Amino acid sequence: MTTDSKKIRDAANIEVLMNVPLQVTAELGTSKMSVSEVLKLGTGSIIELERLAGGPVDLLVNEKLIARGEVVAVDENFGVRITELIQRPGPG
């Protein structure tokens, strides 16, 4: 197989992947709670998160951390402005 035909085949393979849906999640923070604490939750309850107010949110793709950013308002919705891309670990 020539180098050019391999490049064409690789490009076609990548094109197939371009429409694969991914789950993107912006995670504001987490909290650990017991079952009894969860059962006590109701309207108006406040859950303290293990993250500082105004701190960055994590951006996950298929549950893998890829970036961090800040929450922004986009019209009537929330969005995330990426401020840091997470580096992939090098070969090891």
PDB file of N, CA and C in Angstrom:
ATOM      1  N   MET A   1       0.856  -1.172   0.000  1.00  0.00           N
ATOM      2  CA  MET A   1       0.000   0.000   0.000  1.00  0.00           C
ATOM      3  C   MET A   1       0.903   1.235   0.000  1.00  0.00           C
ATOM      4  N   THR A   2       0.597   2.178  -0.881  1.00  0.00           N
ATOM      5  CA  THR A   2       1.405   3.390  -0.946  1.00  0.00           C
ATOM      6  C   THR A   2       1.036   4.336   0.188  1.00  0.00           C
ATOM      7  N   THR A   3       1.932   5.271   0.435  1.00  0.00           N
ATOM      8  CA  THR A   3       1.705   6.247   1.506  1.00  0.00           C
ATOM      9  C   THR A   3       0.453   7.071   1.221  1.00  0.00           C
ATOM     10  N   ASP A   4       0.238   7.462  -0.059  1.00  0.00           N
ATOM     11  CA  ASP A   4      -0.933   8.261  -0.421  1.00  0.00           C
ATOM     12  C   ASP A   4      -2.227   7.495  -0.201  1.00  0.00           C
ATOM     13  N   SER A   5      -2.273   6.226  -0.577  1.00  0.00           N
ATOM     14  CA  SER A   5      -3.505   5.447  -0.392  1.00  0.00           C
ATOM     15  C   SER A   5      -3.776   5.212   1.091  1.00  0.00           C
ATOM     16  N   LYS A   6      -2.725   5.084   1.899  1.00  0.00           N
ATOM     17  CA  LYS A   6      -2.906   4.934   3.350  1.00  0.00           C
ATOM     18  C   LYS A   6      -3.483   6.215   3.944  1.00  0.00           C
ATOM     19  N   LYS A   7      -2.991   7.380   3.500  1.00  0.00           N
ATOM     20  CA  LYS A   7      -3.513   8.656   3.975  1.00  0.00           C
ATOM     21  C   LYS A   7      -4.990   8.807   3.618  1.00  0.00           C
ATOM     22  N   ILE A   8      -5.358   8.420   2.417  1.00  0.00           N
ATOM     23  CA  ILE A   8      -6.758   8.516   1.983  1.00  0.00           C
ATOM     24  C   ILE A   8      -7.630   7.597   2.831  1.00  0.00           C
ATOM     25  N   ARG A   9      -7.162   6.363   3.078  1.00  0.00           N
ATOM     26  CA  ARG A   9      -7.922   5.428   3.910  1.00  0.00           C
ATOM     27  C   ARG A   9      -8.056   5.945   5.337  1.00  0.00           C
ATOM     28  N   ASP A  10      -6.968   6.488   5.898  1.00  0.00           N
ATOM     29  CA  ASP A  10      -7.007   7.041   7.255  1.00  0.00           C
ATOM     30  C   ASP A  10      -7.981   8.213   7.342  1.00  0.00           C
ATOM     31  N   ALA A  11      -7.988   9.082   6.339  1.00  0.00           N
ATOM     32  CA  ALA A  11      -8.906  10.227   6.322  1.00  0.00           C
ATOM     33  C   ALA A  11     -10.353   9.746   6.264  1.00  0.00           C
ATOM     34  N   ALA A  12     -10.624   8.709   5.494  1.00  0.00           N
ATOM     35  CA  ALA A  12     -11.982   8.167   5.413  1.00  0.00           C
ATOM     36  C   ALA A  12     -12.392   7.560   6.752  1.00  0.00           C
ATOM     37  N   ASN A  13     -11.476   6.884   7.420  1.00  0.00           N
ATOM     38  CA  ASN A  13     -11.774   6.303   8.729  1.00  0.00           C
ATOM     39  C   ASN A  13     -12.076   7.392   9.753  1.00  0.00           C
ATOM     40  N   ILE A  14     -11.308   8.470   9.729  1.00  0.00           N
ATOM     41  CA  ILE A  14     -11.543   9.572  10.665  1.00  0.00           C
ATOM     42  C   ILE A  14     -12.891  10.224  10.369  1.00  0.00           C
ATOM     43  N   GLU A  15     -13.237  10.373   9.103  1.00  0.00           N
ATOM     44  CA  GLU A  15     -14.517  10.992   8.727  1.00  0.00           C
ATOM     45  C   GLU A  15     -15.690  10.196   9.293  1.00  0.00           C
ATOM     46  N   VAL A  16     -15.598   8.881   9.326  1.00  0.00           N
ATOM     47  CA  VAL A  16     -16.648   8.041   9.901  1.00  0.00           C
ATOM     48  C   VAL A  16     -16.839   8.366  11.382  1.00  0.00           C
ATOM     49  N   LEU A  17     -15.757   8.660  12.086  1.00  0.00           N
ATOM     50  CA  LEU A  17     -15.821   8.942  13.519  1.00  0.00           C
ATOM     51  C   LEU A  17     -16.355  10.330  13.845  1.00  0.00           C
ATOM     52  N   MET A  18     -16.324  11.247  12.896  1.00  0.00           N
ATOM     53  CA  MET A  18     -16.696  12.634  13.160  1.00  0.00           C
ATOM     54  C   MET A  18     -18.152  12.799  13.599  1.00  0.00           C
ATOM     55  N   ASN A  19     -19.025  11.870  13.283  1.00  0.00           N
ATOM     56  CA  ASN A  19     -20.435  11.979  13.651  1.00  0.00           C
ATOM     57  C   ASN A  19     -20.825  11.080  14.820  1.00  0.00           C
ATOM     58  N   VAL A  20     -19.838  10.483  15.491  1.00  0.00           N
ATOM     59  CA  VAL A  20     -20.115   9.649  16.659  1.00  0.00           C
ATOM     60  C   VAL A  20     -20.473  10.576  17.825  1.00  0.00           C
ATOM     61  N   PRO A  21     -21.643  10.382  18.449  1.00  0.00           N
ATOM     62  CA  PRO A  21     -22.033  11.259  19.556  1.00  0.00           C
ATOM     63  C   PRO A  21     -21.196  10.980  20.803  1.00  0.00           C
ATOM     64  N   LEU A  22     -20.865  12.056  21.520  1.00  0.00           N
ATOM     65  CA  LEU A  22     -20.112  11.966  22.759  1.00  0.00           C
ATOM     66  C   LEU A  22     -20.908  12.640  23.866  1.00  0.00           C
ATOM     67  N   GLN A  23     -20.780  12.150  25.086  1.00  0.00           N
ATOM     68  CA  GLN A  23     -21.430  12.754  26.247  1.00  0.00           C
ATOM     69  C   GLN A  23     -20.494  13.809  26.823  1.00  0.00           C
ATOM     70  N   VAL A  24     -20.894  15.077  26.794  1.00  0.00           N
ATOM     71  CA  VAL A  24     -20.095  16.165  27.335  1.00  0.00           C
ATOM     72  C   VAL A  24     -20.763  16.655  28.615  1.00  0.00           C
ATOM     73  N   THR A  25     -19.995  16.721  29.703  1.00  0.00           N
ATOM     74  CA  THR A  25     -20.521  17.095  31.012  1.00  0.00           C
ATOM     75  C   THR A  25     -19.680  18.209  31.604  1.00  0.00           C
ATOM     76  N   ALA A  26     -20.335  19.227  32.141  1.00  0.00           N
ATOM     77  CA  ALA A  26     -19.652  20.265  32.915  1.00  0.00           C
ATOM     78  C   ALA A  26     -19.962  19.974  34.370  1.00  0.00           C
ATOM     79  N   GLU A  27     -18.939  19.658  35.142  1.00  0.00           N
ATOM     80  CA  GLU A  27     -19.122  19.257  36.542  1.00  0.00           C
ATOM     81  C   GLU A  27     -18.740  20.417  37.452  1.00  0.00           C
ATOM     82  N   LEU A  28     -19.729  20.919  38.162  1.00  0.00           N
ATOM     83  CA  LEU A  28     -19.542  22.039  39.074  1.00  0.00           C
ATOM     84  C   LEU A  28     -18.821  21.623  40.345  1.00  0.00           C
ATOM     85  N   GLY A  29     -19.082  20.429  40.815  1.00  0.00           N
ATOM     86  CA  GLY A  29     -18.454  19.928  42.031  1.00  0.00           C
ATOM     87  C   GLY A  29     -19.121  18.644  42.480  1.00  0.00           C
ATOM     88  N   THR A  30     -18.599  18.074  43.548  1.00  0.00           N
ATOM     89  CA  THR A  30     -19.149  16.828  44.079  1.00  0.00           C
ATOM     90  C   THR A  30     -19.293  16.933  45.589  1.00  0.00           C
ATOM     91  N   SER A  31     -20.035  15.993  46.142  1.00  0.00           N
ATOM     92  CA  SER A  31     -20.231  15.927  47.582  1.00  0.00           C
ATOM     93  C   SER A  31     -20.491  14.484  47.961  1.00  0.00           C
ATOM     94  N   LYS A  32     -19.998  14.069  49.088  1.00  0.00           N
ATOM     95  CA  LYS A  32     -20.292  12.728  49.607  1.00  0.00           C
ATOM     96  C   LYS A  32     -21.354  12.867  50.687  1.00  0.00           C
ATOM     97  N   MET A  33     -22.381  12.047  50.573  1.00  0.00           N
ATOM     98  CA  MET A  33     -23.483  12.084  51.528  1.00  0.00           C
ATOM     99  C   MET A  33     -23.901  10.671  51.874  1.00  0.00           C
ATOM    100  N   SER A  34     -24.382  10.491  53.086  1.00  0.00           N
ATOM    101  CA  SER A  34     -24.921   9.196  53.492  1.00  0.00           C
ATOM    102  C   SER A  34     -26.349   9.067  52.960  1.00  0.00           C
ATOM    103  N   VAL A  35     -26.858   7.874  52.975  1.00  0.00           N
ATOM    104  CA  VAL A  35     -28.232   7.638  52.539  1.00  0.00           C
ATOM    105  C   VAL A  35     -29.198   8.470  53.369  1.00  0.00           C
ATOM    106  N   SER A  36     -28.974   8.519  54.683  1.00  0.00           N
ATOM    107  CA  SER A  36     -29.899   9.272  55.542  1.00  0.00           C
ATOM    108  C   SER A  36     -29.865  10.766  55.205  1.00  0.00           C
ATOM    109  N   GLU A  37     -28.692  11.301  54.845  1.00  0.00           N
ATOM    110  CA  GLU A  37     -28.601  12.711  54.456  1.00  0.00           C
ATOM    111  C   GLU A  37     -29.354  12.968  53.150  1.00  0.00           C
ATOM    112  N   VAL A  38     -29.226  12.062  52.207  1.00  0.00           N
ATOM    113  CA  VAL A  38     -29.931  12.206  50.928  1.00  0.00           C
ATOM    114  C   VAL A  38     -31.437  12.155  51.147  1.00  0.00           C
ATOM    115  N   LEU A  39     -31.890  11.273  52.017  1.00  0.00           N
ATOM    116  CA  LEU A  39     -33.326  11.148  52.269  1.00  0.00           C
ATOM    117  C   LEU A  39     -33.904  12.387  52.945  1.00  0.00           C
ATOM    118  N   LYS A  40     -33.079  13.166  53.604  1.00  0.00           N
ATOM    119  CA  LYS A  40     -33.535  14.395  54.266  1.00  0.00           C
ATOM    120  C   LYS A  40     -33.625  15.582  53.299  1.00  0.00           C
ATOM    121  N   LEU A  41     -33.120  15.436  52.074  1.00  0.00           N
ATOM    122  CA  LEU A  41     -33.130  16.540  51.118  1.00  0.00           C
ATOM    123  C   LEU A  41     -34.552  16.884  50.702  1.00  0.00           C
ATOM    124  N   GLY A  42     -34.780  18.142  50.522  1.00  0.00           N
ATOM    125  CA  GLY A  42     -36.083  18.602  50.062  1.00  0.00           C
ATOM    126  C   GLY A  42     -35.927  19.936  49.359  1.00  0.00           C
ATOM    127  N   THR A  43     -37.019  20.513  48.931  1.00  0.00           N
ATOM    128  CA  THR A  43     -37.003  21.805  48.272  1.00  0.00           C
ATOM    129  C   THR A  43     -36.327  22.825  49.186  1.00  0.00           C
ATOM    130  N   GLY A  44     -35.349  23.527  48.662  1.00  0.00           N
ATOM    131  CA  GLY A  44     -34.629  24.528  49.439  1.00  0.00           C
ATOM    132  C   GLY A  44     -33.388  24.003  50.133  1.00  0.00           C
ATOM    133  N   SER A  45     -33.184  22.679  50.118  1.00  0.00           N
ATOM    134  CA  SER A  45     -31.972  22.123  50.728  1.00  0.00           C
ATOM    135  C   SER A  45     -30.744  22.619  49.976  1.00  0.00           C
ATOM    136  N   ILE A  46     -29.666  22.785  50.689  1.00  0.00           N
ATOM    137  CA  ILE A  46     -28.400  23.204  50.085  1.00  0.00           C
ATOM    138  C   ILE A  46     -27.383  22.087  50.286  1.00  0.00           C
ATOM    139  N   ILE A  47     -26.712  21.714  49.211  1.00  0.00           N
ATOM    140  CA  ILE A  47     -25.664  20.696  49.262  1.00  0.00           C
ATOM    141  C   ILE A  47     -24.335  21.411  49.074  1.00  0.00           C
ATOM    142  N   GLU A  48     -23.464  21.303  50.062  1.00  0.00           N
ATOM    143  CA  GLU A  48     -22.150  21.931  49.963  1.00  0.00           C
ATOM    144  C   GLU A  48     -21.251  21.064  49.090  1.00  0.00           C
ATOM    145  N   LEU A  49     -20.637  21.689  48.088  1.00  0.00           N
ATOM    146  CA  LEU A  49     -19.777  20.975  47.161  1.00  0.00           C
ATOM    147  C   LEU A  49     -18.324  21.101  47.584  1.00  0.00           C
ATOM    148  N   GLU A  50     -17.526  20.133  47.177  1.00  0.00           N
ATOM    149  CA  GLU A  50     -16.096  20.123  47.482  1.00  0.00           C
ATOM    150  C   GLU A  50     -15.340  20.963  46.446  1.00  0.00           C
ATOM    151  N   ARG A  51     -15.805  22.185  46.240  1.00  0.00           N
ATOM    152  CA  ARG A  51     -15.196  23.083  45.259  1.00  0.00           C
ATOM    153  C   ARG A  51     -15.439  24.510  45.734  1.00  0.00           C
ATOM    154  N   LEU A  52     -14.476  25.379  45.579  1.00  0.00           N
ATOM    155  CA  LEU A  52     -14.632  26.762  46.001  1.00  0.00           C
ATOM    156  C   LEU A  52     -15.576  27.509  45.065  1.00  0.00           C
ATOM    157  N   ALA A  53     -16.368  28.406  45.629  1.00  0.00           N
ATOM    158  CA  ALA A  53     -17.241  29.253  44.816  1.00  0.00           C
ATOM    159  C   ALA A  53     -16.378  30.075  43.872  1.00  0.00           C
ATOM    160  N   GLY A  54     -16.787  30.145  42.626  1.00  0.00           N
ATOM    161  CA  GLY A  54     -16.033  30.893  41.629  1.00  0.00           C
ATOM    162  C   GLY A  54     -14.872  30.122  41.042  1.00  0.00           C
ATOM    163  N   GLY A  55     -14.640  28.919  41.528  1.00  0.00           N
ATOM    164  CA  GLY A  55     -13.552  28.095  41.005  1.00  0.00           C
ATOM    165  C   GLY A  55     -13.910  27.502  39.650  1.00  0.00           C
ATOM    166  N   PRO A  56     -12.940  26.911  38.987  1.00  0.00           N
ATOM    167  CA  PRO A  56     -13.203  26.341  37.666  1.00  0.00           C
ATOM    168  C   PRO A  56     -14.103  25.110  37.744  1.00  0.00           C
ATOM    169  N   VAL A  57     -14.845  24.889  36.661  1.00  0.00           N
ATOM    170  CA  VAL A  57     -15.642  23.667  36.533  1.00  0.00           C
ATOM    171  C   VAL A  57     -14.858  22.701  35.644  1.00  0.00           C
ATOM    172  N   ASP A  58     -15.076  21.412  35.847  1.00  0.00           N
ATOM    173  CA  ASP A  58     -14.422  20.388  35.036  1.00  0.00           C
ATOM    174  C   ASP A  58     -15.266  20.103  33.809  1.00  0.00           C
ATOM    175  N   LEU A  59     -14.633  19.965  32.660  1.00  0.00           N
ATOM    176  CA  LEU A  59     -15.309  19.585  31.428  1.00  0.00           C
ATOM    177  C   LEU A  59     -14.888  18.167  31.090  1.00  0.00           C
ATOM    178  N   LEU A  60     -15.861  17.264  31.069  1.00  0.00           N
ATOM    179  CA  LEU A  60     -15.590  15.853  30.819  1.00  0.00           C
ATOM    180  C   LEU A  60     -16.231  15.420  29.508  1.00  0.00           C
ATOM    181  N   VAL A  61     -15.539  14.582  28.755  1.00  0.00           N
ATOM    182  CA  VAL A  61     -16.086  13.958  27.563  1.00  0.00           C
ATOM    183  C   VAL A  61     -16.055  12.464  27.802  1.00  0.00           C
ATOM    184  N   ASN A  62     -17.235  11.854  27.779  1.00  0.00           N
ATOM    185  CA  ASN A  62     -17.371  10.425  28.093  1.00  0.00           C
ATOM    186  C   ASN A  62     -16.664  10.095  29.410  1.00  0.00           C
ATOM    187  N   GLU A  63     -16.899  10.934  30.412  1.00  0.00           N
ATOM    188  CA  GLU A  63     -16.396  10.762  31.779  1.00  0.00           C
ATOM    189  C   GLU A  63     -14.885  10.928  31.913  1.00  0.00           C
ATOM    190  N   LYS A  64     -14.214  11.447  30.891  1.00  0.00           N
ATOM    191  CA  LYS A  64     -12.767  11.706  30.942  1.00  0.00           C
ATOM    192  C   LYS A  64     -12.554  13.216  30.998  1.00  0.00           C
ATOM    193  N   LEU A  65     -11.775  13.676  31.973  1.00  0.00           N
ATOM    194  CA  LEU A  65     -11.487  15.094  32.113  1.00  0.00           C
ATOM    195  C   LEU A  65     -10.637  15.566  30.945  1.00  0.00           C
ATOM    196  N   ILE A  66     -11.128  16.577  30.212  1.00  0.00           N
ATOM    197  CA  ILE A  66     -10.369  17.099  29.075  1.00  0.00           C
ATOM    198  C   ILE A  66     -10.001  18.575  29.242  1.00  0.00           C
ATOM    199  N   ALA A  67     -10.758  19.297  30.105  1.00  0.00           N
ATOM    200  CA  ALA A  67     -10.505  20.729  30.244  1.00  0.00           C
ATOM    201  C   ALA A  67     -11.141  21.246  31.531  1.00  0.00           C
ATOM    202  N   ARG A  68     -10.769  22.482  31.874  1.00  0.00           N
ATOM    203  CA  ARG A  68     -11.422  23.209  32.964  1.00  0.00           C
ATOM    204  C   ARG A  68     -11.831  24.559  32.411  1.00  0.00           C
ATOM    205  N   GLY A  69     -12.841  25.156  33.035  1.00  0.00           N
ATOM    206  CA  GLY A  69     -13.289  26.447  32.535  1.00  0.00           C
ATOM    207  C   GLY A  69     -14.133  27.181  33.540  1.00  0.00           C
ATOM    208  N   GLU A  70     -14.681  28.304  33.091  1.00  0.00           N
ATOM    209  CA  GLU A  70     -15.520  29.126  33.950  1.00  0.00           C
ATOM    210  C   GLU A  70     -16.934  29.147  33.396  1.00  0.00           C
ATOM    211  N   VAL A  71     -17.891  29.220  34.306  1.00  0.00           N
ATOM    212  CA  VAL A  71     -19.298  29.258  33.913  1.00  0.00           C
ATOM    213  C   VAL A  71     -19.605  30.646  33.360  1.00  0.00           C
ATOM    214  N   VAL A  72     -20.291  30.674  32.219  1.00  0.00           N
ATOM    215  CA  VAL A  72     -20.711  31.925  31.596  1.00  0.00           C
ATOM    216  C   VAL A  72     -22.191  31.832  31.237  1.00  0.00           C
ATOM    217  N   ALA A  73     -22.817  32.976  31.055  1.00  0.00           N
ATOM    218  CA  ALA A  73     -24.204  33.019  30.598  1.00  0.00           C
ATOM    219  C   ALA A  73     -24.202  33.227  29.089  1.00  0.00           C
ATOM    220  N   VAL A  74     -24.991  32.404  28.391  1.00  0.00           N
ATOM    221  CA  VAL A  74     -25.146  32.516  26.949  1.00  0.00           C
ATOM    222  C   VAL A  74     -26.645  32.658  26.695  1.00  0.00           C
ATOM    223  N   ASP A  75     -27.076  33.892  26.434  1.00  0.00           N
ATOM    224  CA  ASP A  75     -28.497  34.198  26.353  1.00  0.00           C
ATOM    225  C   ASP A  75     -29.158  33.757  27.661  1.00  0.00           C
ATOM    226  N   GLU A  76     -30.077  32.800  27.601  1.00  0.00           N
ATOM    227  CA  GLU A  76     -30.753  32.343  28.821  1.00  0.00           C
ATOM    228  C   GLU A  76     -30.208  31.015  29.321  1.00  0.00           C
ATOM    229  N   ASN A  77     -29.096  30.565  28.771  1.00  0.00           N
ATOM    230  CA  ASN A  77     -28.498  29.282  29.152  1.00  0.00           C
ATOM    231  C   ASN A  77     -27.136  29.508  29.795  1.00  0.00           C
ATOM    232  N   PHE A  78     -26.648  28.476  30.439  1.00  0.00           N
ATOM    233  CA  PHE A  78     -25.286  28.486  30.962  1.00  0.00           C
ATOM    234  C   PHE A  78     -24.361  27.865  29.931  1.00  0.00           C
ATOM    235  N   GLY A  79     -23.107  28.253  29.968  1.00  0.00           N
ATOM    236  CA  GLY A  79     -22.079  27.670  29.123  1.00  0.00           C
ATOM    237  C   GLY A  79     -20.786  27.594  29.912  1.00  0.00           C
ATOM    238  N   VAL A  80     -19.749  27.058  29.291  1.00  0.00           N
ATOM    239  CA  VAL A  80     -18.430  26.976  29.917  1.00  0.00           C
ATOM    240  C   VAL A  80     -17.409  27.549  28.947  1.00  0.00           C
ATOM    241  N   ARG A  81     -16.656  28.545  29.417  1.00  0.00           N
ATOM    242  CA  ARG A  81     -15.530  29.083  28.643  1.00  0.00           C
ATOM    243  C   ARG A  81     -14.296  28.312  29.082  1.00  0.00           C
ATOM    244  N   ILE A  82     -13.666  27.616  28.144  1.00  0.00           N
ATOM    245  CA  ILE A  82     -12.495  26.798  28.470  1.00  0.00           C
ATOM    246  C   ILE A  82     -11.313  27.706  28.783  1.00  0.00           C
ATOM    247  N   THR A  83     -10.708  27.467  29.942  1.00  0.00           N
ATOM    248  CA  THR A  83      -9.542  28.244  30.373  1.00  0.00           C
ATOM    249  C   THR A  83      -8.277  27.396  30.451  1.00  0.00           C
ATOM    250  N   GLU A  84      -8.451  26.071  30.451  1.00  0.00           N
ATOM    251  CA  GLU A  84      -7.287  25.176  30.576  1.00  0.00           C
ATOM    252  C   GLU A  84      -7.599  23.851  29.901  1.00  0.00           C
ATOM    253  N   LEU A  85      -6.758  23.434  28.978  1.00  0.00           N
ATOM    254  CA  LEU A  85      -6.856  22.103  28.391  1.00  0.00           C
ATOM    255  C   LEU A  85      -5.980  21.169  29.203  1.00  0.00           C
ATOM    256  N   ILE A  86      -6.485  19.985  29.490  1.00  0.00           N
ATOM    257  CA  ILE A  86      -5.736  19.000  30.262  1.00  0.00           C
ATOM    258  C   ILE A  86      -4.787  18.267  29.330  1.00  0.00           C
ATOM    259  N   GLN A  87      -3.534  18.220  29.715  1.00  0.00           N
ATOM    260  CA  GLN A  87      -2.527  17.533  28.901  1.00  0.00           C
ATOM    261  C   GLN A  87      -2.665  16.022  29.052  1.00  0.00           C
ATOM    262  N   ARG A  88      -2.587  15.334  27.942  1.00  0.00           N
ATOM    263  CA  ARG A  88      -2.587  13.874  27.993  1.00  0.00           C
ATOM    264  C   ARG A  88      -1.228  13.409  28.481  1.00  0.00           C
ATOM    265  N   PRO A  89      -1.201  12.342  29.294  1.00  0.00           N
ATOM    266  CA  PRO A  89       0.101  11.830  29.736  1.00  0.00           C
ATOM    267  C   PRO A  89       0.888  11.289  28.543  1.00  0.00           C
ATOM    268  N   GLY A  90       2.178  11.531  28.539  1.00  0.00           N
ATOM    269  CA  GLY A  90       3.020  11.047  27.463  1.00  0.00           C
ATOM    270  C   GLY A  90       3.254   9.557  27.570  1.00  0.00           C
ATOM    271  N   PRO A  91       3.840   8.958  26.519  1.00  0.00           N
ATOM    272  CA  PRO A  91       4.128   7.517  26.587  1.00  0.00           C
ATOM    273  C   PRO A  91       5.091   7.227  27.712  1.00  0.00           C
ATOM    274  N   GLY A  92       4.797   6.145  28.378  1.00  0.00           N
ATOM    275  CA  GLY A  92       5.541   5.986  29.539  1.00  0.00           C
ATOM    276  C   GLY A  92       6.350   4.924  29.926  1.00  0.00           C
TER     277      GLY A  92
END
